[in-house]
């Protein structure tokens, strides 16, 4: 299968590497120093599952290698529109574009640029960080949950499941994408926000009683909004999720993606996470004071860094 990873940062590069290892024809779309490093030296992966190095095809012009049977769309949510325009005429007939981005709004954005039948949605579940250009640190998990927008268990979705299984990145093929995506947003709204504002790893936040209580409150608010949006979510799943994270993940090594961006001086992807919860809450008249607070703080933090003297 000819696959483009659109946005080969930490998350995209990890999945692209595993698919390439499995024998798929993979192109990584990146930019800047990361692109130059991958072109010159390939992609180095330092993983708790074992380190490896790959020669890769990397570009900032996806049209040069089109058409693609699958586009794994992994850019930051604020780059969705611009990146989608870059992909005009890049899909093969019956090609698929699958968002594995944060948030719950990117599927609809992609449907403005591609036929709805071409769009699929998914969750990336991986702890990964670009520690330097072309060098990826893989700290936890490493799978994709995905599904059709209409909930069908289609032949093409089943084919993708088999490809992901061979690559070792298959998590779940769901018939309820909305619920799956809102559960991911629930986790992100709890952890990305608090870790970024406190400059803390997941472990540091979870071991602080007040930090953990804030995470729990943010997750509860997200769940209430998700239910109003039609997601089949259950509050009893929050506590087991928190305990699973503490017991089964290398929490001291995990920095959520928004914190990674903050440390690298990049734009913050808060609007697709806390902002999405606030917008949906307003549609339903639901009060989400904790989420509104962290969203406002992240917005001001992002703006202050953008205007700070260099």
Foldseek 3Di string as FASTA:
>chain_A
DEEEEAECFWQSVLLQVLLVVLPYNYEYEDDDLLQVCCQVFNAWEAEPVDTDGDNHHYYNQLQVDAAGQEYEYEHQPVCLLVSLVSCVPRHDVNHAYEYQYAFDCSLVVNCVRDPLSRYKYKHFDFFWHDPDRRYMYTFDAAAMEIERPQLDPDPVVVVVQVSRVSSVHHDYYGSQVLQVNLLRLLQCLLALLLCQVVVAFQVVQLVDVVSVVLSLLSSVLSQVLSVVVPHPDDNVVSVVVSVCCVPPGPRRPGHPPQNSCVVVLHAGSLCRRLVNSVVSCVVVVHDRVSSVVSSVVSVVVRVCSVPDDD
